[in-house]
Amino acid sequence: MIRLEQILTPGRSLVNVPGGSKKRVLEQIAKLVARDLPDLDNQDIFESLVSREKLGSTGFGNGIAIPHCRLTGCTAPISAVLRLDAPIDFDAIDGAPVDLLLVLLVPEAATDEHLELLRQIASMLDRSDVRERLRQAPDSTSLYQVVVDVQSGH
């Protein structure tokens, strides 16, 4: 079973990301992920994320969004976590602005394993203590470490 910390890296864990708008944040996510996926174009990643949002916002409530999509040309799941410098409107189900985003990109042929990753992310972010720790993390390394610690039960 793939675990979240295996597909997230400190380099894809960012704090104080300038938000601005939903579109701008999705563009930044696409650029960030494209750095680590040389075969993929950041415009393709961006368009896939936007298409997924059109089906319904990935704003999960409590200031959290889990932008995710299937991606042609992606060979293994990849994740990123971003904390914005200020919350933005994300059309979330509870109407609350979003400042924490956990991204999941999976290969086109998504499997149960990928759904399980999405569940791992959702159940982790459902905990107010975890959200608090993510919001308090002083830097990118600490942000990454919170995810690793929570996943390993600390």
Protein backbone atom coordinates (compact mmCIF):
# COMPACT_ATOMS: atom_id res chain seq x y z
CA MET A 1 0.00 0.00 0.00
CA ILE A 2 1.38 3.40 -0.96
CA ARG A 3 1.55 5.86 1.89
CA LEU A 4 1.32 9.60 1.61
CA GLU A 5 4.83 10.28 2.91
CA GLN A 6 6.26 8.14 0.09
CA ILE A 7 4.87 10.46 -2.59
CA LEU A 8 5.42 13.79 -0.86
CA THR A 9 8.83 15.47 -0.60
CA PRO A 10 10.14 18.39 1.48
CA GLY A 11 10.65 20.21 -1.84
CA ARG A 12 6.94 19.91 -2.58
CA SER A 13 5.94 21.14 0.90
CA LEU A 14 5.65 24.92 0.86
CA VAL A 15 4.62 27.49 3.45
CA ASN A 16 3.52 31.10 2.87
CA VAL A 17 2.67 30.53 -0.78
CA PRO A 18 1.10 33.71 -2.20
CA GLY A 19 -2.50 32.78 -2.94
CA GLY A 20 -4.52 35.47 -4.67
CA SER A 21 -7.03 33.30 -6.50
CA LYS A 22 -7.97 29.69 -7.01
CA LYS A 23 -6.65 29.80 -10.58
CA ARG A 24 -3.32 31.26 -9.49
CA VAL A 25 -2.88 28.63 -6.78
CA LEU A 26 -3.62 25.80 -9.24
CA GLU A 27 -1.04 27.32 -11.62
CA GLN A 28 1.54 27.32 -8.84
CA ILE A 29 0.76 23.70 -7.96
CA ALA A 30 1.19 22.73 -11.62
CA LYS A 31 4.60 24.47 -11.83
CA LEU A 32 5.74 22.92 -8.57
CA VAL A 33 4.83 19.40 -9.64
CA ALA A 34 6.15 19.83 -13.20
CA ARG A 35 9.63 20.52 -11.76
CA ASP A 36 9.71 16.90 -10.55
CA LEU A 37 7.98 15.39 -13.59
CA PRO A 38 10.16 16.40 -16.54
CA ASP A 39 7.98 14.44 -18.99
CA LEU A 40 4.90 16.46 -18.08
CA ASP A 41 3.99 19.97 -19.09
CA ASN A 42 2.82 22.31 -16.33
CA GLN A 43 0.03 23.60 -18.63
CA ASP A 44 -1.35 20.04 -18.95
CA ILE A 45 -1.20 19.58 -15.20
CA PHE A 46 -2.95 22.92 -14.66
CA GLU A 47 -5.70 22.09 -17.17
CA SER A 48 -6.29 18.68 -15.57
CA LEU A 49 -6.64 20.28 -12.13
CA VAL A 50 -9.02 22.93 -13.48
CA SER A 51 -11.14 20.30 -15.25
CA ARG A 52 -11.45 18.39 -11.99
CA GLU A 53 -12.54 21.56 -10.14
CA LYS A 54 -15.27 22.10 -12.75
CA LEU A 55 -16.83 18.80 -11.68
CA GLY A 56 -17.11 20.19 -8.15
CA SER A 57 -14.78 22.07 -5.86
CA THR A 58 -12.15 20.04 -4.03
CA GLY A 59 -12.58 22.52 -1.14
CA PHE A 60 -13.17 20.09 1.67
CA GLY A 61 -14.25 22.44 4.47
CA ASN A 62 -12.33 23.82 7.47
CA GLY A 63 -10.00 25.80 5.21
CA ILE A 64 -8.76 22.68 3.43
CA ALA A 65 -8.68 21.78 -0.26
CA ILE A 66 -7.50 18.53 -1.82
CA PRO A 67 -6.94 19.36 -5.49
CA HIS A 68 -6.54 16.04 -7.30
CA CYS A 69 -6.76 14.61 -10.79
CA ARG A 70 -5.76 11.79 -13.05
CA LEU A 71 -2.93 12.71 -15.33
CA THR A 72 -1.99 11.21 -18.68
CA GLY A 73 1.74 10.54 -18.73
CA CYS A 74 2.00 10.37 -14.96
CA THR A 75 3.51 7.01 -13.99
CA ALA A 76 3.19 7.10 -10.19
CA PRO A 77 1.18 9.14 -7.68
CA ILE A 78 2.72 12.44 -6.64
CA SER A 79 1.68 14.75 -3.83
CA ALA A 80 2.38 18.29 -2.66
CA VAL A 81 1.27 20.31 0.36
CA LEU A 82 0.92 24.09 0.34
CA ARG A 83 0.02 26.58 3.02
CA LEU A 84 -1.05 29.93 1.63
CA ASP A 85 0.02 33.25 3.10
CA ALA A 86 -3.67 34.24 3.24
CA PRO A 87 -6.87 32.19 2.77
CA ILE A 88 -8.59 32.38 -0.62
CA ASP A 89 -12.08 31.65 -1.85
CA PHE A 90 -12.13 28.10 -3.20
CA ASP A 91 -15.87 27.46 -3.56
CA ALA A 92 -15.55 25.04 -0.64
CA ILE A 93 -18.60 23.11 0.53
CA ASP A 94 -18.80 25.07 3.79
CA GLY A 95 -18.02 28.40 2.07
CA ALA A 96 -14.91 28.88 4.23
CA PRO A 97 -11.81 30.28 2.51
CA VAL A 98 -8.93 27.84 2.00
CA ASP A 99 -5.36 28.16 3.26
CA LEU A 100 -4.18 24.52 3.32
CA LEU A 101 -3.96 22.46 0.14
CA LEU A 102 -2.91 18.88 -0.18
CA VAL A 103 -2.50 17.85 -3.79
CA LEU A 104 -2.74 14.36 -5.25
CA LEU A 105 -1.97 13.55 -8.87
CA VAL A 106 -2.38 9.97 -10.02
CA PRO A 107 -1.85 8.08 -13.28
CA GLU A 108 -4.69 7.99 -15.80
CA ALA A 109 -5.49 4.39 -14.86
CA ALA A 110 -6.36 5.22 -11.27
CA THR A 111 -6.78 2.27 -8.91
CA ASP A 112 -8.21 1.47 -5.49
CA GLU A 113 -4.78 2.27 -4.14
CA HIS A 114 -5.18 5.84 -5.36
CA LEU A 115 -8.61 6.13 -3.76
CA GLU A 116 -7.03 4.88 -0.57
CA LEU A 117 -4.44 7.69 -0.75
CA LEU A 118 -7.25 10.20 -1.12
CA ARG A 119 -8.94 8.69 1.95
CA GLN A 120 -5.67 8.88 3.91
CA ILE A 121 -5.37 12.57 3.06
CA ALA A 122 -9.01 13.33 3.85
CA SER A 123 -9.04 11.53 7.19
CA MET A 124 -5.77 13.18 8.22
CA LEU A 125 -7.10 16.66 7.39
CA ASP A 126 -10.37 15.92 9.13
CA ARG A 127 -8.53 16.21 12.46
CA SER A 128 -8.45 19.72 13.91
CA ASP A 129 -5.17 19.02 15.75
CA VAL A 130 -3.49 18.09 12.46
CA ARG A 131 -4.80 21.20 10.70
CA GLU A 132 -3.50 23.28 13.61
CA ARG A 133 -0.03 21.71 13.37
CA LEU A 134 0.07 22.29 9.60
CA ARG A 135 -0.94 25.93 10.11
CA GLN A 136 1.70 26.44 12.82
CA ALA A 137 4.63 24.81 10.95
CA PRO A 138 7.30 27.54 10.68
CA ASP A 139 8.90 26.33 7.43
CA SER A 140 8.63 23.85 4.58
CA THR A 141 10.64 21.13 6.32
CA SER A 142 8.41 21.33 9.40
CA LEU A 143 5.30 21.23 7.23
CA TYR A 144 6.55 18.05 5.57
CA GLN A 145 7.50 16.60 8.97
CA VAL A 146 3.96 17.13 10.33
CA VAL A 147 2.56 14.96 7.53
CA VAL A 148 5.19 12.25 8.11
CA ASP A 149 4.62 12.29 11.88
CA VAL A 150 0.85 12.14 11.59
CA GLN A 151 1.04 9.30 9.06
CA SER A 152 3.26 7.32 11.41
CA GLY A 153 0.90 7.92 14.32
CA HIS A 154 2.69 10.69 16.26
